[in-house]
Amino acid sequence: MSIPIILEVTCGFLFLSNKVFLFFGKRSGWWFNLPGASIGLWLFLSHEPKLWAIAILQMFGIIVSIRGLVAPENRNRAFEQSLLIIAFVLIGCISYFTYKPDVSPIDIVTASAFTIGSVLLGYETPIRTLLGWICYFFGHIGGAYLGFMQHTPYMAYFQIASIFVSIIAVEKTLILWGVKTK
């Protein structure tokens, strides 16, 4: 196996581990996202053509992971609101600056879904958790498609596994809410 493939598999495994730990309500899942986003940043910037939308998402992923590790009782409301504003500005920048012939709308929608999902999952409230997992679901569908289209199949396979984690997480959240019975 070549180094890029090993890094692709490692990155995919770390991102999947992040989702599994978050699914079980473990804030420690964000620790998996930190190295995953760092490896992802390198992978997406070394890819030809460069995958700017997803690379920018990795940079934001590092920030969101650090925020996800902060205990909810130690959070600052102004910081939380600033993070949301940064997320939407980031989505706007990704959309404006990376929309070129080699960047598809699927890149932008996928990056946006992951950005919004990551912010929402960090709040740990039922509605935001549900919406965060729904965003991840759509992000993983786009990520799997892009993984195959951009010839990063291992990343695509991990995205497919994460689709199932997202579906189960949505169902779990609905059951906890009492909206759906077991």
C-alpha atoms as a PDB file:
ATOM      1  CA  MET A   1       0.000   0.000   0.000  1.00  0.00           C
ATOM      2  CA  SER A   2       1.179   3.494  -0.784  1.00  0.00           C
ATOM      3  CA  ILE A   3       1.433   6.260   1.837  1.00  0.00           C
ATOM      4  CA  PRO A   4      -1.575   8.207   0.432  1.00  0.00           C
ATOM      5  CA  ILE A   5      -3.756   5.080   0.636  1.00  0.00           C
ATOM      6  CA  ILE A   6      -2.620   4.368   4.211  1.00  0.00           C
ATOM      7  CA  LEU A   7      -3.418   7.980   5.129  1.00  0.00           C
ATOM      8  CA  GLU A   8      -6.786   7.766   3.358  1.00  0.00           C
ATOM      9  CA  VAL A   9      -7.700   4.626   5.316  1.00  0.00           C
ATOM     10  CA  THR A  10      -6.436   6.151   8.581  1.00  0.00           C
ATOM     11  CA  CYS A  11      -8.388   9.355   7.962  1.00  0.00           C
ATOM     12  CA  GLY A  12     -11.559   7.433   7.117  1.00  0.00           C
ATOM     13  CA  PHE A  13     -11.166   5.232  10.210  1.00  0.00           C
ATOM     14  CA  LEU A  14     -10.667   8.259  12.469  1.00  0.00           C
ATOM     15  CA  PHE A  15     -13.747  10.004  11.058  1.00  0.00           C
ATOM     16  CA  LEU A  16     -15.858   6.845  11.424  1.00  0.00           C
ATOM     17  CA  SER A  17     -14.593   6.432  15.015  1.00  0.00           C
ATOM     18  CA  ASN A  18     -15.582  10.040  15.682  1.00  0.00           C
ATOM     19  CA  LYS A  19     -19.156   9.297  14.561  1.00  0.00           C
ATOM     20  CA  VAL A  20     -19.386   6.068  16.579  1.00  0.00           C
ATOM     21  CA  PHE A  21     -18.192   7.727  19.787  1.00  0.00           C
ATOM     22  CA  LEU A  22     -20.527  10.685  19.271  1.00  0.00           C
ATOM     23  CA  PHE A  23     -23.362   8.236  18.613  1.00  0.00           C
ATOM     24  CA  PHE A  24     -22.757   6.743  22.054  1.00  0.00           C
ATOM     25  CA  GLY A  25     -22.760  10.225  23.574  1.00  0.00           C
ATOM     26  CA  LYS A  26     -19.016  10.272  24.215  1.00  0.00           C
ATOM     27  CA  ARG A  27     -17.520  13.699  23.827  1.00  0.00           C
ATOM     28  CA  SER A  28     -14.154  11.933  23.472  1.00  0.00           C
ATOM     29  CA  GLY A  29     -15.225  11.216  19.880  1.00  0.00           C
ATOM     30  CA  TRP A  30     -13.974  14.681  19.026  1.00  0.00           C
ATOM     31  CA  TRP A  31     -10.419  13.458  19.792  1.00  0.00           C
ATOM     32  CA  PHE A  32     -10.683  11.213  16.727  1.00  0.00           C
ATOM     33  CA  ASN A  33     -11.753  14.124  14.559  1.00  0.00           C
ATOM     34  CA  LEU A  34      -8.651  16.218  15.390  1.00  0.00           C
ATOM     35  CA  PRO A  35      -6.068  13.931  13.743  1.00  0.00           C
ATOM     36  CA  GLY A  36      -8.608  12.886  11.104  1.00  0.00           C
ATOM     37  CA  ALA A  37      -9.134  16.496  10.036  1.00  0.00           C
ATOM     38  CA  SER A  38      -5.383  17.124  10.054  1.00  0.00           C
ATOM     39  CA  ILE A  39      -4.702  14.117   7.829  1.00  0.00           C
ATOM     40  CA  GLY A  40      -7.711  15.030   5.683  1.00  0.00           C
ATOM     41  CA  LEU A  41      -6.384  18.543   5.211  1.00  0.00           C
ATOM     42  CA  TRP A  42      -3.107  17.184   3.864  1.00  0.00           C
ATOM     43  CA  LEU A  43      -4.850  14.579   1.685  1.00  0.00           C
ATOM     44  CA  PHE A  44      -7.286  16.999   0.086  1.00  0.00           C
ATOM     45  CA  LEU A  45      -4.619  19.624  -0.580  1.00  0.00           C
ATOM     46  CA  SER A  46      -2.246  17.054  -2.095  1.00  0.00           C
ATOM     47  CA  HIS A  47      -4.978  15.700  -4.394  1.00  0.00           C
ATOM     48  CA  GLU A  48      -5.023  16.880  -8.003  1.00  0.00           C
ATOM     49  CA  PRO A  49      -7.125  18.797  -8.632  1.00  0.00           C
ATOM     50  CA  LYS A  50      -6.922  20.252  -5.128  1.00  0.00           C
ATOM     51  CA  LEU A  51     -10.143  19.750  -3.208  1.00  0.00           C
ATOM     52  CA  TRP A  52     -10.377  23.212  -1.681  1.00  0.00           C
ATOM     53  CA  ALA A  53     -13.943  23.006  -0.373  1.00  0.00           C
ATOM     54  CA  ILE A  54     -13.235  19.838   1.585  1.00  0.00           C
ATOM     55  CA  ALA A  55      -9.794  21.094   2.695  1.00  0.00           C
ATOM     56  CA  ILE A  56     -11.342  24.258   4.142  1.00  0.00           C
ATOM     57  CA  LEU A  57     -13.873  22.054   5.917  1.00  0.00           C
ATOM     58  CA  GLN A  58     -10.994  20.128   7.528  1.00  0.00           C
ATOM     59  CA  MET A  59      -9.563  23.361   8.940  1.00  0.00           C
ATOM     60  CA  PHE A  60     -12.953  24.200  10.424  1.00  0.00           C
ATOM     61  CA  GLY A  61     -13.222  20.596  11.667  1.00  0.00           C
ATOM     62  CA  ILE A  62     -10.155  21.121  13.827  1.00  0.00           C
ATOM     63  CA  ILE A  63     -11.761  24.179  15.459  1.00  0.00           C
ATOM     64  CA  VAL A  64     -15.101  22.420  15.956  1.00  0.00           C
ATOM     65  CA  SER A  65     -13.359  19.389  17.475  1.00  0.00           C
ATOM     66  CA  ILE A  66     -11.629  21.542  20.060  1.00  0.00           C
ATOM     67  CA  ARG A  67     -14.965  23.165  20.835  1.00  0.00           C
ATOM     68  CA  GLY A  68     -16.647  19.746  21.061  1.00  0.00           C
ATOM     69  CA  LEU A  69     -14.149  18.698  23.711  1.00  0.00           C
ATOM     70  CA  VAL A  70     -14.956  21.676  25.943  1.00  0.00           C
ATOM     71  CA  ALA A  71     -17.389  20.717  28.681  1.00  0.00           C
ATOM     72  CA  PRO A  72     -20.902  22.109  27.991  1.00  0.00           C
ATOM     73  CA  GLU A  73     -20.977  23.878  31.341  1.00  0.00           C
ATOM     74  CA  ASN A  74     -17.788  25.782  30.432  1.00  0.00           C
ATOM     75  CA  ARG A  75     -19.098  27.104  27.137  1.00  0.00           C
ATOM     76  CA  ASN A  76     -19.410  30.768  26.450  1.00  0.00           C
ATOM     77  CA  ARG A  77     -22.644  31.802  24.701  1.00  0.00           C
ATOM     78  CA  ALA A  78     -20.908  34.572  22.724  1.00  0.00           C
ATOM     79  CA  PHE A  79     -18.282  32.073  21.537  1.00  0.00           C
ATOM     80  CA  GLU A  80     -21.005  29.622  20.512  1.00  0.00           C
ATOM     81  CA  GLN A  81     -22.817  32.292  18.505  1.00  0.00           C
ATOM     82  CA  SER A  82     -19.534  33.394  16.945  1.00  0.00           C
ATOM     83  CA  LEU A  83     -18.860  29.819  15.896  1.00  0.00           C
ATOM     84  CA  LEU A  84     -22.222  29.639  14.151  1.00  0.00           C
ATOM     85  CA  ILE A  85     -21.522  32.889  12.339  1.00  0.00           C
ATOM     86  CA  ILE A  86     -18.070  31.612  11.336  1.00  0.00           C
ATOM     87  CA  ALA A  87     -19.675  28.397  10.042  1.00  0.00           C
ATOM     88  CA  PHE A  88     -22.060  30.290   7.779  1.00  0.00           C
ATOM     89  CA  VAL A  89     -19.341  32.690   6.617  1.00  0.00           C
ATOM     90  CA  LEU A  90     -17.186  29.638   5.877  1.00  0.00           C
ATOM     91  CA  ILE A  91     -19.980  28.113   3.820  1.00  0.00           C
ATOM     92  CA  GLY A  92     -20.329  31.368   1.918  1.00  0.00           C
ATOM     93  CA  CYS A  93     -16.581  31.535   1.295  1.00  0.00           C
ATOM     94  CA  ILE A  94     -16.443  27.921   0.168  1.00  0.00           C
ATOM     95  CA  SER A  95     -19.337  28.572  -2.184  1.00  0.00           C
ATOM     96  CA  TYR A  96     -17.911  31.796  -3.596  1.00  0.00           C
ATOM     97  CA  PHE A  97     -14.187  31.138  -3.777  1.00  0.00           C
ATOM     98  CA  THR A  98     -14.149  27.471  -4.729  1.00  0.00           C
ATOM     99  CA  TYR A  99     -16.924  27.421  -7.301  1.00  0.00           C
ATOM    100  CA  LYS A 100     -14.859  26.688 -10.369  1.00  0.00           C
ATOM    101  CA  PRO A 101     -15.227  24.150 -13.144  1.00  0.00           C
ATOM    102  CA  ASP A 102     -13.347  21.553 -11.067  1.00  0.00           C
ATOM    103  CA  VAL A 103     -15.542  22.107  -7.975  1.00  0.00           C
ATOM    104  CA  SER A 104     -19.031  20.731  -8.234  1.00  0.00           C
ATOM    105  CA  PRO A 105     -22.096  21.909  -6.329  1.00  0.00           C
ATOM    106  CA  ILE A 106     -21.951  18.513  -4.594  1.00  0.00           C
ATOM    107  CA  ASP A 107     -18.574  19.536  -3.084  1.00  0.00           C
ATOM    108  CA  ILE A 108     -20.148  22.687  -1.692  1.00  0.00           C
ATOM    109  CA  VAL A 109     -23.318  21.000  -0.409  1.00  0.00           C
ATOM    110  CA  THR A 110     -21.284  18.205   1.188  1.00  0.00           C
ATOM    111  CA  ALA A 111     -18.909  20.653   2.895  1.00  0.00           C
ATOM    112  CA  SER A 112     -21.884  22.732   4.063  1.00  0.00           C
ATOM    113  CA  ALA A 113     -23.702  19.697   5.478  1.00  0.00           C
ATOM    114  CA  PHE A 114     -20.639  18.624   7.443  1.00  0.00           C
ATOM    115  CA  THR A 115     -19.977  22.165   8.684  1.00  0.00           C
ATOM    116  CA  ILE A 116     -23.528  22.666   9.947  1.00  0.00           C
ATOM    117  CA  GLY A 117     -23.736  19.103  11.308  1.00  0.00           C
ATOM    118  CA  SER A 118     -20.500  19.480  13.266  1.00  0.00           C
ATOM    119  CA  VAL A 119     -21.632  22.722  14.853  1.00  0.00           C
ATOM    120  CA  LEU A 120     -25.054  21.307  15.756  1.00  0.00           C
ATOM    121  CA  LEU A 121     -23.712  18.064  17.257  1.00  0.00           C
ATOM    122  CA  GLY A 122     -21.539  20.060  19.628  1.00  0.00           C
ATOM    123  CA  TYR A 123     -24.592  21.556  21.342  1.00  0.00           C
ATOM    124  CA  GLU A 124     -25.882  18.290  22.821  1.00  0.00           C
ATOM    125  CA  THR A 125     -29.544  19.340  22.785  1.00  0.00           C
ATOM    126  CA  PRO A 126     -32.133  16.980  21.231  1.00  0.00           C
ATOM    127  CA  ILE A 127     -33.245  19.131  18.282  1.00  0.00           C
ATOM    128  CA  ARG A 128     -29.716  20.217  17.408  1.00  0.00           C
ATOM    129  CA  THR A 129     -28.451  16.659  17.778  1.00  0.00           C
ATOM    130  CA  LEU A 130     -31.183  15.401  15.459  1.00  0.00           C
ATOM    131  CA  LEU A 131     -30.498  18.117  12.888  1.00  0.00           C
ATOM    132  CA  GLY A 132     -26.742  17.536  13.206  1.00  0.00           C
ATOM    133  CA  TRP A 133     -27.102  13.829  12.416  1.00  0.00           C
ATOM    134  CA  ILE A 134     -29.413  14.600   9.497  1.00  0.00           C
ATOM    135  CA  CYS A 135     -26.787  17.003   8.118  1.00  0.00           C
ATOM    136  CA  TYR A 136     -24.129  14.323   8.581  1.00  0.00           C
ATOM    137  CA  PHE A 137     -26.349  11.818   6.758  1.00  0.00           C
ATOM    138  CA  PHE A 138     -26.506  14.048   3.687  1.00  0.00           C
ATOM    139  CA  GLY A 139     -22.838  14.977   4.047  1.00  0.00           C
ATOM    140  CA  HIS A 140     -21.854  11.302   4.075  1.00  0.00           C
ATOM    141  CA  ILE A 141     -23.956  10.571   1.000  1.00  0.00           C
ATOM    142  CA  GLY A 142     -22.182  13.392  -0.830  1.00  0.00           C
ATOM    143  CA  GLY A 143     -18.840  12.322   0.635  1.00  0.00           C
ATOM    144  CA  ALA A 144     -19.276   8.753  -0.590  1.00  0.00           C
ATOM    145  CA  TYR A 145     -20.213   9.933  -4.063  1.00  0.00           C
ATOM    146  CA  LEU A 146     -17.266  12.339  -4.185  1.00  0.00           C
ATOM    147  CA  GLY A 147     -14.921   9.688  -2.821  1.00  0.00           C
ATOM    148  CA  PHE A 148     -15.706   7.413  -5.734  1.00  0.00           C
ATOM    149  CA  MET A 149     -15.650  10.247  -8.272  1.00  0.00           C
ATOM    150  CA  GLN A 150     -12.294  11.542  -7.007  1.00  0.00           C
ATOM    151  CA  HIS A 151     -10.737   8.074  -6.908  1.00  0.00           C
ATOM    152  CA  THR A 152     -10.467   7.835  -3.132  1.00  0.00           C
ATOM    153  CA  PRO A 153     -12.478   4.623  -2.697  1.00  0.00           C
ATOM    154  CA  TYR A 154     -11.396   3.851   0.859  1.00  0.00           C
ATOM    155  CA  MET A 155     -12.648   7.225   2.003  1.00  0.00           C
ATOM    156  CA  ALA A 156     -15.895   6.493   0.143  1.00  0.00           C
ATOM    157  CA  TYR A 157     -16.288   3.141   1.938  1.00  0.00           C
ATOM    158  CA  PHE A 158     -15.883   4.823   5.324  1.00  0.00           C
ATOM    159  CA  GLN A 159     -18.436   7.438   4.252  1.00  0.00           C
ATOM    160  CA  ILE A 160     -20.898   4.644   3.445  1.00  0.00           C
ATOM    161  CA  ALA A 161     -20.337   3.122   6.906  1.00  0.00           C
ATOM    162  CA  SER A 162     -20.905   6.569   8.410  1.00  0.00           C
ATOM    163  CA  ILE A 163     -24.215   6.861   6.538  1.00  0.00           C
ATOM    164  CA  PHE A 164     -25.449   3.894   8.559  1.00  0.00           C
ATOM    165  CA  VAL A 165     -24.167   5.401  11.822  1.00  0.00           C
ATOM    166  CA  SER A 166     -26.050   8.607  10.964  1.00  0.00           C
ATOM    167  CA  ILE A 167     -29.288   6.724  10.232  1.00  0.00           C
ATOM    168  CA  ILE A 168     -29.069   4.818  13.514  1.00  0.00           C
ATOM    169  CA  ALA A 169     -28.243   8.064  15.378  1.00  0.00           C
ATOM    170  CA  VAL A 170     -31.299   9.810  13.908  1.00  0.00           C
ATOM    171  CA  GLU A 171     -33.471   6.867  14.962  1.00  0.00           C
ATOM    172  CA  LYS A 172     -31.915   6.818  18.454  1.00  0.00           C
ATOM    173  CA  THR A 173     -32.543  10.554  18.868  1.00  0.00           C
ATOM    174  CA  LEU A 174     -36.178  10.151  17.811  1.00  0.00           C
ATOM    175  CA  ILE A 175     -36.647   7.274  20.263  1.00  0.00           C
ATOM    176  CA  LEU A 176     -35.098   9.307  23.092  1.00  0.00           C
ATOM    177  CA  TRP A 177     -37.508  12.106  22.270  1.00  0.00           C
ATOM    178  CA  GLY A 178     -40.433   9.717  22.363  1.00  0.00           C
ATOM    179  CA  VAL A 179     -41.320  10.568  18.761  1.00  0.00           C
ATOM    180  CA  LYS A 180     -40.639   7.003  17.672  1.00  0.00           C
ATOM    181  CA  THR A 181     -41.053   3.817  19.648  1.00  0.00           C
ATOM    182  CA  LYS A 182     -38.605   0.936  19.590  1.00  0.00           C
END
